[in-house]
Amino acid sequence: MADEHHDDHGNTVSAWFLTLSWIVAWTVAAVAIILGGDLVTWTLIGLGLSVVLAVIAGVMKKAGLGRKEPRPYPQTREAWEAAQKVSATAGKN
């Protein structure tokens, strides 16, 4: 897979923190821009805040609030077909 090297946070405290904090950070930046703030300034503030929040989420993950088991991958077609064949023969017995 192309994204096997990607180390995601999963459905964890650190992932939810990162998601919600980025939503808040970029919403604040967008509202400031809409209300007349400088586009470049607030974009840089949003970007800088995003980086800081990502670092915090990474620290949270290392502290044990991230994924604890390996990332689950879907079965290959061959494994799925083999499992179906086994369950079909078990159902006939």
PDB file of N, CA and C in Angstrom:
ATOM      1  N   MET A   1       0.827  -1.182   0.000  1.00  0.00           N
ATOM      2  CA  MET A   1       0.000   0.000   0.000  1.00  0.00           C
ATOM      3  C   MET A   1       0.870   1.244   0.000  1.00  0.00           C
ATOM      4  N   ALA A   2       0.366   2.281  -0.581  1.00  0.00           N
ATOM      5  CA  ALA A   2       1.123   3.522  -0.682  1.00  0.00           C
ATOM      6  C   ALA A   2       1.278   4.205   0.664  1.00  0.00           C
ATOM      7  N   ASP A   3       0.355   3.991   1.565  1.00  0.00           N
ATOM      8  CA  ASP A   3       0.408   4.700   2.847  1.00  0.00           C
ATOM      9  C   ASP A   3       0.820   3.808   4.006  1.00  0.00           C
ATOM     10  N   GLU A   4       1.557   2.726   3.744  1.00  0.00           N
ATOM     11  CA  GLU A   4       1.969   1.852   4.833  1.00  0.00           C
ATOM     12  C   GLU A   4       2.892   2.557   5.815  1.00  0.00           C
ATOM     13  N   HIS A   5       3.649   3.531   5.337  1.00  0.00           N
ATOM     14  CA  HIS A   5       4.563   4.248   6.211  1.00  0.00           C
ATOM     15  C   HIS A   5       3.840   5.253   7.095  1.00  0.00           C
ATOM     16  N   HIS A   6       2.580   5.537   6.794  1.00  0.00           N
ATOM     17  CA  HIS A   6       1.843   6.553   7.538  1.00  0.00           C
ATOM     18  C   HIS A   6       1.507   6.027   8.922  1.00  0.00           C
ATOM     19  N   ASP A   7       1.912   6.776   9.924  1.00  0.00           N
ATOM     20  CA  ASP A   7       1.665   6.370  11.303  1.00  0.00           C
ATOM     21  C   ASP A   7       0.534   7.232  11.847  1.00  0.00           C
ATOM     22  N   ASP A   8      -0.699   6.779  11.675  1.00  0.00           N
ATOM     23  CA  ASP A   8      -1.829   7.611  12.085  1.00  0.00           C
ATOM     24  C   ASP A   8      -2.088   7.490  13.579  1.00  0.00           C
ATOM     25  N   HIS A   9      -2.854   8.401  14.096  1.00  0.00           N
ATOM     26  CA  HIS A   9      -3.184   8.406  15.512  1.00  0.00           C
ATOM     27  C   HIS A   9      -4.328   7.450  15.825  1.00  0.00           C
ATOM     28  N   GLY A  10      -5.199   7.163  14.856  1.00  0.00           N
ATOM     29  CA  GLY A  10      -6.340   6.299  15.094  1.00  0.00           C
ATOM     30  C   GLY A  10      -7.443   7.030  15.835  1.00  0.00           C
ATOM     31  N   ASN A  11      -8.413   6.312  16.304  1.00  0.00           N
ATOM     32  CA  ASN A  11      -9.531   6.894  17.037  1.00  0.00           C
ATOM     33  C   ASN A  11      -9.137   6.980  18.515  1.00  0.00           C
ATOM     34  N   THR A  12      -8.304   7.946  18.826  1.00  0.00           N
ATOM     35  CA  THR A  12      -7.719   8.050  20.164  1.00  0.00           C
ATOM     36  C   THR A  12      -7.859   9.477  20.688  1.00  0.00           C
ATOM     37  N   VAL A  13      -7.453   9.667  21.912  1.00  0.00           N
ATOM     38  CA  VAL A  13      -7.505  10.990  22.533  1.00  0.00           C
ATOM     39  C   VAL A  13      -6.646  11.977  21.746  1.00  0.00           C
ATOM     40  N   SER A  14      -5.453  11.562  21.350  1.00  0.00           N
ATOM     41  CA  SER A  14      -4.579  12.481  20.613  1.00  0.00           C
ATOM     42  C   SER A  14      -5.162  12.837  19.249  1.00  0.00           C
ATOM     43  N   ALA A  15      -5.810  11.895  18.599  1.00  0.00           N
ATOM     44  CA  ALA A  15      -6.427  12.172  17.298  1.00  0.00           C
ATOM     45  C   ALA A  15      -7.584  13.147  17.435  1.00  0.00           C
ATOM     46  N   TRP A  16      -8.418  12.943  18.433  1.00  0.00           N
ATOM     47  CA  TRP A  16      -9.550  13.846  18.627  1.00  0.00           C
ATOM     48  C   TRP A  16      -9.071  15.231  19.043  1.00  0.00           C
ATOM     49  N   PHE A  17      -8.045  15.287  19.873  1.00  0.00           N
ATOM     50  CA  PHE A  17      -7.475  16.581  20.242  1.00  0.00           C
ATOM     51  C   PHE A  17      -6.988  17.319  19.002  1.00  0.00           C
ATOM     52  N   LEU A  18      -6.241  16.633  18.140  1.00  0.00           N
ATOM     53  CA  LEU A  18      -5.705  17.271  16.943  1.00  0.00           C
ATOM     54  C   LEU A  18      -6.823  17.733  16.018  1.00  0.00           C
ATOM     55  N   THR A  19      -7.816  16.893  15.804  1.00  0.00           N
ATOM     56  CA  THR A  19      -8.924  17.245  14.917  1.00  0.00           C
ATOM     57  C   THR A  19      -9.682  18.468  15.439  1.00  0.00           C
ATOM     58  N   LEU A  20     -10.092  18.412  16.679  1.00  0.00           N
ATOM     59  CA  LEU A  20     -10.893  19.511  17.238  1.00  0.00           C
ATOM     60  C   LEU A  20     -10.092  20.800  17.383  1.00  0.00           C
ATOM     61  N   SER A  21      -8.832  20.683  17.767  1.00  0.00           N
ATOM     62  CA  SER A  21      -8.026  21.890  17.928  1.00  0.00           C
ATOM     63  C   SER A  21      -7.748  22.554  16.581  1.00  0.00           C
ATOM     64  N   TRP A  22      -7.545  21.768  15.527  1.00  0.00           N
ATOM     65  CA  TRP A  22      -7.349  22.363  14.197  1.00  0.00           C
ATOM     66  C   TRP A  22      -8.626  23.035  13.709  1.00  0.00           C
ATOM     67  N   ILE A  23      -9.764  22.421  13.978  1.00  0.00           N
ATOM     68  CA  ILE A  23     -11.036  23.053  13.592  1.00  0.00           C
ATOM     69  C   ILE A  23     -11.181  24.399  14.283  1.00  0.00           C
ATOM     70  N   VAL A  24     -10.890  24.443  15.569  1.00  0.00           N
ATOM     71  CA  VAL A  24     -10.997  25.697  16.317  1.00  0.00           C
ATOM     72  C   VAL A  24      -9.984  26.724  15.797  1.00  0.00           C
ATOM     73  N   ALA A  25      -8.744  26.310  15.604  1.00  0.00           N
ATOM     74  CA  ALA A  25      -7.700  27.237  15.168  1.00  0.00           C
ATOM     75  C   ALA A  25      -8.033  27.856  13.816  1.00  0.00           C
ATOM     76  N   TRP A  26      -8.435  27.029  12.860  1.00  0.00           N
ATOM     77  CA  TRP A  26      -8.717  27.557  11.520  1.00  0.00           C
ATOM     78  C   TRP A  26     -10.038  28.314  11.477  1.00  0.00           C
ATOM     79  N   THR A  27     -10.975  27.975  12.349  1.00  0.00           N
ATOM     80  CA  THR A  27     -12.217  28.750  12.420  1.00  0.00           C
ATOM     81  C   THR A  27     -11.941  30.142  12.964  1.00  0.00           C
ATOM     82  N   VAL A  28     -11.121  30.230  13.987  1.00  0.00           N
ATOM     83  CA  VAL A  28     -10.754  31.535  14.544  1.00  0.00           C
ATOM     84  C   VAL A  28     -10.028  32.368  13.488  1.00  0.00           C
ATOM     85  N   ALA A  29      -9.094  31.756  12.765  1.00  0.00           N
ATOM     86  CA  ALA A  29      -8.367  32.484  11.724  1.00  0.00           C
ATOM     87  C   ALA A  29      -9.318  32.945  10.622  1.00  0.00           C
ATOM     88  N   ALA A  30     -10.242  32.088  10.225  1.00  0.00           N
ATOM     89  CA  ALA A  30     -11.193  32.449   9.167  1.00  0.00           C
ATOM     90  C   ALA A  30     -12.112  33.579   9.601  1.00  0.00           C
ATOM     91  N   VAL A  31     -12.599  33.509  10.823  1.00  0.00           N
ATOM     92  CA  VAL A  31     -13.479  34.570  11.322  1.00  0.00           C
ATOM     93  C   VAL A  31     -12.719  35.888  11.403  1.00  0.00           C
ATOM     94  N   ALA A  32     -11.473  35.833  11.831  1.00  0.00           N
ATOM     95  CA  ALA A  32     -10.669  37.054  11.907  1.00  0.00           C
ATOM     96  C   ALA A  32     -10.466  37.652  10.516  1.00  0.00           C
ATOM     97  N   ILE A  33     -10.236  36.811   9.530  1.00  0.00           N
ATOM     98  CA  ILE A  33     -10.070  37.302   8.155  1.00  0.00           C
ATOM     99  C   ILE A  33     -11.373  37.907   7.645  1.00  0.00           C
ATOM    100  N   ILE A  34     -12.475  37.231   7.907  1.00  0.00           N
ATOM    101  CA  ILE A  34     -13.782  37.725   7.455  1.00  0.00           C
ATOM    102  C   ILE A  34     -14.113  39.068   8.095  1.00  0.00           C
ATOM    103  N   LEU A  35     -13.741  39.233   9.351  1.00  0.00           N
ATOM    104  CA  LEU A  35     -14.043  40.478  10.062  1.00  0.00           C
ATOM    105  C   LEU A  35     -13.050  41.590   9.752  1.00  0.00           C
ATOM    106  N   GLY A  36     -12.188  41.381   8.771  1.00  0.00           N
ATOM    107  CA  GLY A  36     -11.310  42.452   8.330  1.00  0.00           C
ATOM    108  C   GLY A  36      -9.855  42.297   8.691  1.00  0.00           C
ATOM    109  N   GLY A  37      -9.477  41.183   9.269  1.00  0.00           N
ATOM    110  CA  GLY A  37      -8.069  40.970   9.599  1.00  0.00           C
ATOM    111  C   GLY A  37      -7.248  40.738   8.340  1.00  0.00           C
ATOM    112  N   ASP A  38      -5.960  40.906   8.454  1.00  0.00           N
ATOM    113  CA  ASP A  38      -5.060  40.719   7.325  1.00  0.00           C
ATOM    114  C   ASP A  38      -4.983  39.235   6.952  1.00  0.00           C
ATOM    115  N   LEU A  39      -5.180  38.944   5.676  1.00  0.00           N
ATOM    116  CA  LEU A  39      -5.205  37.559   5.193  1.00  0.00           C
ATOM    117  C   LEU A  39      -3.899  36.837   5.480  1.00  0.00           C
ATOM    118  N   VAL A  40      -2.787  37.446   5.140  1.00  0.00           N
ATOM    119  CA  VAL A  40      -1.482  36.796   5.315  1.00  0.00           C
ATOM    120  C   VAL A  40      -1.178  36.575   6.797  1.00  0.00           C
ATOM    121  N   THR A  41      -1.436  37.576   7.604  1.00  0.00           N
ATOM    122  CA  THR A  41      -1.157  37.468   9.040  1.00  0.00           C
ATOM    123  C   THR A  41      -1.946  36.333   9.670  1.00  0.00           C
ATOM    124  N   TRP A  42      -3.245  36.291   9.430  1.00  0.00           N
ATOM    125  CA  TRP A  42      -4.071  35.265  10.067  1.00  0.00           C
ATOM    126  C   TRP A  42      -3.831  33.876   9.472  1.00  0.00           C
ATOM    127  N   THR A  43      -3.435  33.811   8.206  1.00  0.00           N
ATOM    128  CA  THR A  43      -3.074  32.513   7.629  1.00  0.00           C
ATOM    129  C   THR A  43      -1.801  31.987   8.285  1.00  0.00           C
ATOM    130  N   LEU A  44      -0.827  32.865   8.491  1.00  0.00           N
ATOM    131  CA  LEU A  44       0.400  32.449   9.164  1.00  0.00           C
ATOM    132  C   LEU A  44       0.145  32.075  10.626  1.00  0.00           C
ATOM    133  N   ILE A  45      -0.742  32.800  11.288  1.00  0.00           N
ATOM    134  CA  ILE A  45      -1.106  32.443  12.666  1.00  0.00           C
ATOM    135  C   ILE A  45      -1.761  31.066  12.690  1.00  0.00           C
ATOM    136  N   GLY A  46      -2.698  30.819  11.762  1.00  0.00           N
ATOM    137  CA  GLY A  46      -3.352  29.509  11.695  1.00  0.00           C
ATOM    138  C   GLY A  46      -2.369  28.389  11.403  1.00  0.00           C
ATOM    139  N   LEU A  47      -1.438  28.642  10.487  1.00  0.00           N
ATOM    140  CA  LEU A  47      -0.439  27.632  10.150  1.00  0.00           C
ATOM    141  C   LEU A  47       0.494  27.356  11.317  1.00  0.00           C
ATOM    142  N   GLY A  48       0.963  28.421  11.960  1.00  0.00           N
ATOM    143  CA  GLY A  48       1.846  28.242  13.118  1.00  0.00           C
ATOM    144  C   GLY A  48       1.155  27.515  14.255  1.00  0.00           C
ATOM    145  N   LEU A  49      -0.086  27.869  14.497  1.00  0.00           N
ATOM    146  CA  LEU A  49      -0.852  27.200  15.547  1.00  0.00           C
ATOM    147  C   LEU A  49      -1.089  25.727  15.204  1.00  0.00           C
ATOM    148  N   SER A  50      -1.326  25.439  13.934  1.00  0.00           N
ATOM    149  CA  SER A  50      -1.512  24.047  13.505  1.00  0.00           C
ATOM    150  C   SER A  50      -0.270  23.210  13.775  1.00  0.00           C
ATOM    151  N   VAL A  51       0.887  23.775  13.506  1.00  0.00           N
ATOM    152  CA  VAL A  51       2.139  23.056  13.750  1.00  0.00           C
ATOM    153  C   VAL A  51       2.324  22.801  15.240  1.00  0.00           C
ATOM    154  N   VAL A  52       2.080  23.808  16.050  1.00  0.00           N
ATOM    155  CA  VAL A  52       2.212  23.650  17.508  1.00  0.00           C
ATOM    156  C   VAL A  52       1.241  22.582  18.027  1.00  0.00           C
ATOM    157  N   LEU A  53       0.009  22.623  17.543  1.00  0.00           N
ATOM    158  CA  LEU A  53      -0.986  21.637  17.987  1.00  0.00           C
ATOM    159  C   LEU A  53      -0.635  20.229  17.522  1.00  0.00           C
ATOM    160  N   ALA A  54      -0.048  20.102  16.342  1.00  0.00           N
ATOM    161  CA  ALA A  54       0.386  18.789  15.863  1.00  0.00           C
ATOM    162  C   ALA A  54       1.519  18.235  16.728  1.00  0.00           C
ATOM    163  N   VAL A  55       2.415  19.098  17.148  1.00  0.00           N
ATOM    164  CA  VAL A  55       3.497  18.665  18.037  1.00  0.00           C
ATOM    165  C   VAL A  55       2.918  18.213  19.375  1.00  0.00           C
ATOM    166  N   ILE A  56       1.960  18.958  19.888  1.00  0.00           N
ATOM    167  CA  ILE A  56       1.314  18.571  21.157  1.00  0.00           C
ATOM    168  C   ILE A  56       0.625  17.217  21.011  1.00  0.00           C
ATOM    169  N   ALA A  57      -0.080  16.997  19.887  1.00  0.00           N
ATOM    170  CA  ALA A  57      -0.739  15.706  19.660  1.00  0.00           C
ATOM    171  C   ALA A  57       0.287  14.576  19.549  1.00  0.00           C
ATOM    172  N   GLY A  58       1.424  14.858  18.947  1.00  0.00           N
ATOM    173  CA  GLY A  58       2.485  13.852  18.870  1.00  0.00           C
ATOM    174  C   GLY A  58       3.034  13.501  20.238  1.00  0.00           C
ATOM    175  N   VAL A  59       3.192  14.503  21.090  1.00  0.00           N
ATOM    176  CA  VAL A  59       3.652  14.256  22.466  1.00  0.00           C
ATOM    177  C   VAL A  59       2.599  13.444  23.225  1.00  0.00           C
ATOM    178  N   MET A  60       1.336  13.770  23.008  1.00  0.00           N
ATOM    179  CA  MET A  60       0.256  13.019  23.655  1.00  0.00           C
ATOM    180  C   MET A  60       0.300  11.559  23.223  1.00  0.00           C
ATOM    181  N   LYS A  61       0.568  11.329  21.937  1.00  0.00           N
ATOM    182  CA  LYS A  61       0.634   9.965  21.424  1.00  0.00           C
ATOM    183  C   LYS A  61       1.791   9.216  22.073  1.00  0.00           C
ATOM    184  N   LYS A  62       2.938   9.849  22.149  1.00  0.00           N
ATOM    185  CA  LYS A  62       4.109   9.216  22.775  1.00  0.00           C
ATOM    186  C   LYS A  62       3.873   8.969  24.260  1.00  0.00           C
ATOM    187  N   ALA A  63       3.023   9.783  24.873  1.00  0.00           N
ATOM    188  CA  ALA A  63       2.729   9.626  26.300  1.00  0.00           C
ATOM    189  C   ALA A  63       1.705   8.522  26.560  1.00  0.00           C
ATOM    190  N   GLY A  64       1.228   7.876  25.508  1.00  0.00           N
ATOM    191  CA  GLY A  64       0.318   6.757  25.689  1.00  0.00           C
ATOM    192  C   GLY A  64      -1.123   7.051  25.343  1.00  0.00           C
ATOM    193  N   LEU A  65      -1.400   8.212  24.767  1.00  0.00           N
ATOM    194  CA  LEU A  65      -2.773   8.552  24.424  1.00  0.00           C
ATOM    195  C   LEU A  65      -3.067   8.323  22.947  1.00  0.00           C
ATOM    196  N   GLY A  66      -2.183   7.608  22.271  1.00  0.00           N
ATOM    197  CA  GLY A  66      -2.368   7.289  20.854  1.00  0.00           C
ATOM    198  C   GLY A  66      -2.682   5.823  20.670  1.00  0.00           C
ATOM    199  N   ARG A  67      -2.500   5.346  19.447  1.00  0.00           N
ATOM    200  CA  ARG A  67      -2.774   3.948  19.110  1.00  0.00           C
ATOM    201  C   ARG A  67      -1.817   3.036  19.861  1.00  0.00           C
ATOM    202  N   LYS A  68      -2.350   1.979  20.452  1.00  0.00           N
ATOM    203  CA  LYS A  68      -1.535   1.055  21.231  1.00  0.00           C
ATOM    204  C   LYS A  68      -1.237  -0.241  20.493  1.00  0.00           C
ATOM    205  N   GLU A  69      -2.024  -0.554  19.478  1.00  0.00           N
ATOM    206  CA  GLU A  69      -1.792  -1.762  18.693  1.00  0.00           C
ATOM    207  C   GLU A  69      -1.533  -1.351  17.244  1.00  0.00           C
ATOM    208  N   PRO A  70      -0.977  -2.259  16.457  1.00  0.00           N
ATOM    209  CA  PRO A  70      -0.699  -1.912  15.057  1.00  0.00           C
ATOM    210  C   PRO A  70      -1.963  -1.516  14.301  1.00  0.00           C
ATOM    211  N   ARG A  71      -1.777  -0.714  13.287  1.00  0.00           N
ATOM    212  CA  ARG A  71      -2.890  -0.246  12.465  1.00  0.00           C
ATOM    213  C   ARG A  71      -3.541  -1.424  11.758  1.00  0.00           C
ATOM    214  N   PRO A  72      -4.865  -1.554  11.852  1.00  0.00           N
ATOM    215  CA  PRO A  72      -5.530  -2.684  11.192  1.00  0.00           C
ATOM    216  C   PRO A  72      -5.583  -2.478   9.680  1.00  0.00           C
ATOM    217  N   TYR A  73      -5.378  -3.557   8.956  1.00  0.00           N
ATOM    218  CA  TYR A  73      -5.459  -3.534   7.497  1.00  0.00           C
ATOM    219  C   TYR A  73      -6.546  -4.489   7.043  1.00  0.00           C
ATOM    220  N   PRO A  74      -7.246  -4.176   5.976  1.00  0.00           N
ATOM    221  CA  PRO A  74      -8.272  -5.085   5.479  1.00  0.00           C
ATOM    222  C   PRO A  74      -7.645  -6.355   4.909  1.00  0.00           C
ATOM    223  N   GLN A  75      -8.443  -7.419   4.878  1.00  0.00           N
ATOM    224  CA  GLN A  75      -7.966  -8.685   4.327  1.00  0.00           C
ATOM    225  C   GLN A  75      -7.690  -8.541   2.837  1.00  0.00           C
ATOM    226  N   THR A  76      -6.780  -9.372   2.362  1.00  0.00           N
ATOM    227  CA  THR A  76      -6.589  -9.443   0.920  1.00  0.00           C
ATOM    228  C   THR A  76      -7.762 -10.226   0.332  1.00  0.00           C
ATOM    229  N   ARG A  77      -7.944 -10.137  -0.961  1.00  0.00           N
ATOM    230  CA  ARG A  77      -9.035 -10.861  -1.625  1.00  0.00           C
ATOM    231  C   ARG A  77      -8.882 -12.367  -1.409  1.00  0.00           C
ATOM    232  N   GLU A  78      -7.651 -12.843  -1.504  1.00  0.00           N
ATOM    233  CA  GLU A  78      -7.399 -14.280  -1.342  1.00  0.00           C
ATOM    234  C   GLU A  78      -7.755 -14.748   0.070  1.00  0.00           C
ATOM    235  N   ALA A  79      -7.390 -13.962   1.080  1.00  0.00           N
ATOM    236  CA  ALA A  79      -7.706 -14.339   2.456  1.00  0.00           C
ATOM    237  C   ALA A  79      -9.208 -14.323   2.689  1.00  0.00           C
ATOM    238  N   TRP A  80      -9.901 -13.321   2.113  1.00  0.00           N
ATOM    239  CA  TRP A  80     -11.347 -13.238   2.266  1.00  0.00           C
ATOM    240  C   TRP A  80     -12.020 -14.425   1.598  1.00  0.00           C
ATOM    241  N   GLU A  81     -11.597 -14.791   0.370  1.00  0.00           N
ATOM    242  CA  GLU A  81     -12.181 -15.929  -0.337  1.00  0.00           C
ATOM    243  C   GLU A  81     -11.937 -17.229   0.419  1.00  0.00           C
ATOM    244  N   ALA A  82     -10.742 -17.374   1.004  1.00  0.00           N
ATOM    245  CA  ALA A  82     -10.445 -18.577   1.783  1.00  0.00           C
ATOM    246  C   ALA A  82     -11.342 -18.657   3.018  1.00  0.00           C
ATOM    247  N   ALA A  83     -11.551 -17.521   3.689  1.00  0.00           N
ATOM    248  CA  ALA A  83     -12.420 -17.504   4.864  1.00  0.00           C
ATOM    249  C   ALA A  83     -13.861 -17.824   4.483  1.00  0.00           C
ATOM    250  N   GLN A  84     -14.321 -17.331   3.341  1.00  0.00           N
ATOM    251  CA  GLN A  84     -15.669 -17.633   2.879  1.00  0.00           C
ATOM    252  C   GLN A  84     -15.826 -19.112   2.560  1.00  0.00           C
ATOM    253  N   LYS A  85     -14.793 -19.686   1.966  1.00  0.00           N
ATOM    254  CA  LYS A  85     -14.835 -21.108   1.619  1.00  0.00           C
ATOM    255  C   LYS A  85     -14.891 -21.967   2.894  1.00  0.00           C
ATOM    256  N   VAL A  86     -14.106 -21.583   3.895  1.00  0.00           N
ATOM    257  CA  VAL A  86     -14.102 -22.328   5.151  1.00  0.00           C
ATOM    258  C   VAL A  86     -15.458 -22.209   5.840  1.00  0.00           C
ATOM    259  N   SER A  87     -16.037 -21.017   5.876  1.00  0.00           N
ATOM    260  CA  SER A  87     -17.316 -20.851   6.547  1.00  0.00           C
ATOM    261  C   SER A  87     -18.442 -21.549   5.772  1.00  0.00           C
ATOM    262  N   ALA A  88     -18.324 -21.612   4.452  1.00  0.00           N
ATOM    263  CA  ALA A  88     -19.353 -22.295   3.657  1.00  0.00           C
ATOM    264  C   ALA A  88     -19.286 -23.808   3.903  1.00  0.00           C
ATOM    265  N   THR A  89     -18.102 -24.358   3.986  1.00  0.00           N
ATOM    266  CA  THR A  89     -17.978 -25.795   4.236  1.00  0.00           C
ATOM    267  C   THR A  89     -18.340 -26.130   5.681  1.00  0.00           C
ATOM    268  N   ALA A  90     -18.083 -25.224   6.601  1.00  0.00           N
ATOM    269  CA  ALA A  90     -18.459 -25.461   8.004  1.00  0.00           C
ATOM    270  C   ALA A  90     -19.970 -25.405   8.155  1.00  0.00           C
ATOM    271  N   GLY A  91     -20.629 -24.565   7.367  1.00  0.00           N
ATOM    272  CA  GLY A  91     -22.080 -24.457   7.444  1.00  0.00           C
ATOM    273  C   GLY A  91     -22.782 -25.684   6.877  1.00  0.00           C
ATOM    274  N   LYS A  92     -22.145 -26.402   5.969  1.00  0.00           N
ATOM    275  CA  LYS A  92     -22.740 -27.602   5.368  1.00  0.00           C
ATOM    276  C   LYS A  92     -22.656 -28.804   6.297  1.00  0.00           C
ATOM    277  N   ASN A  93     -21.695 -28.778   7.229  1.00  0.00           N
ATOM    278  CA  ASN A  93     -21.515 -29.932   8.117  1.00  0.00           C
ATOM    279  C   ASN A  93     -22.461 -29.911   9.246  1.00  0.00           C
TER     280      ASN A  93
END
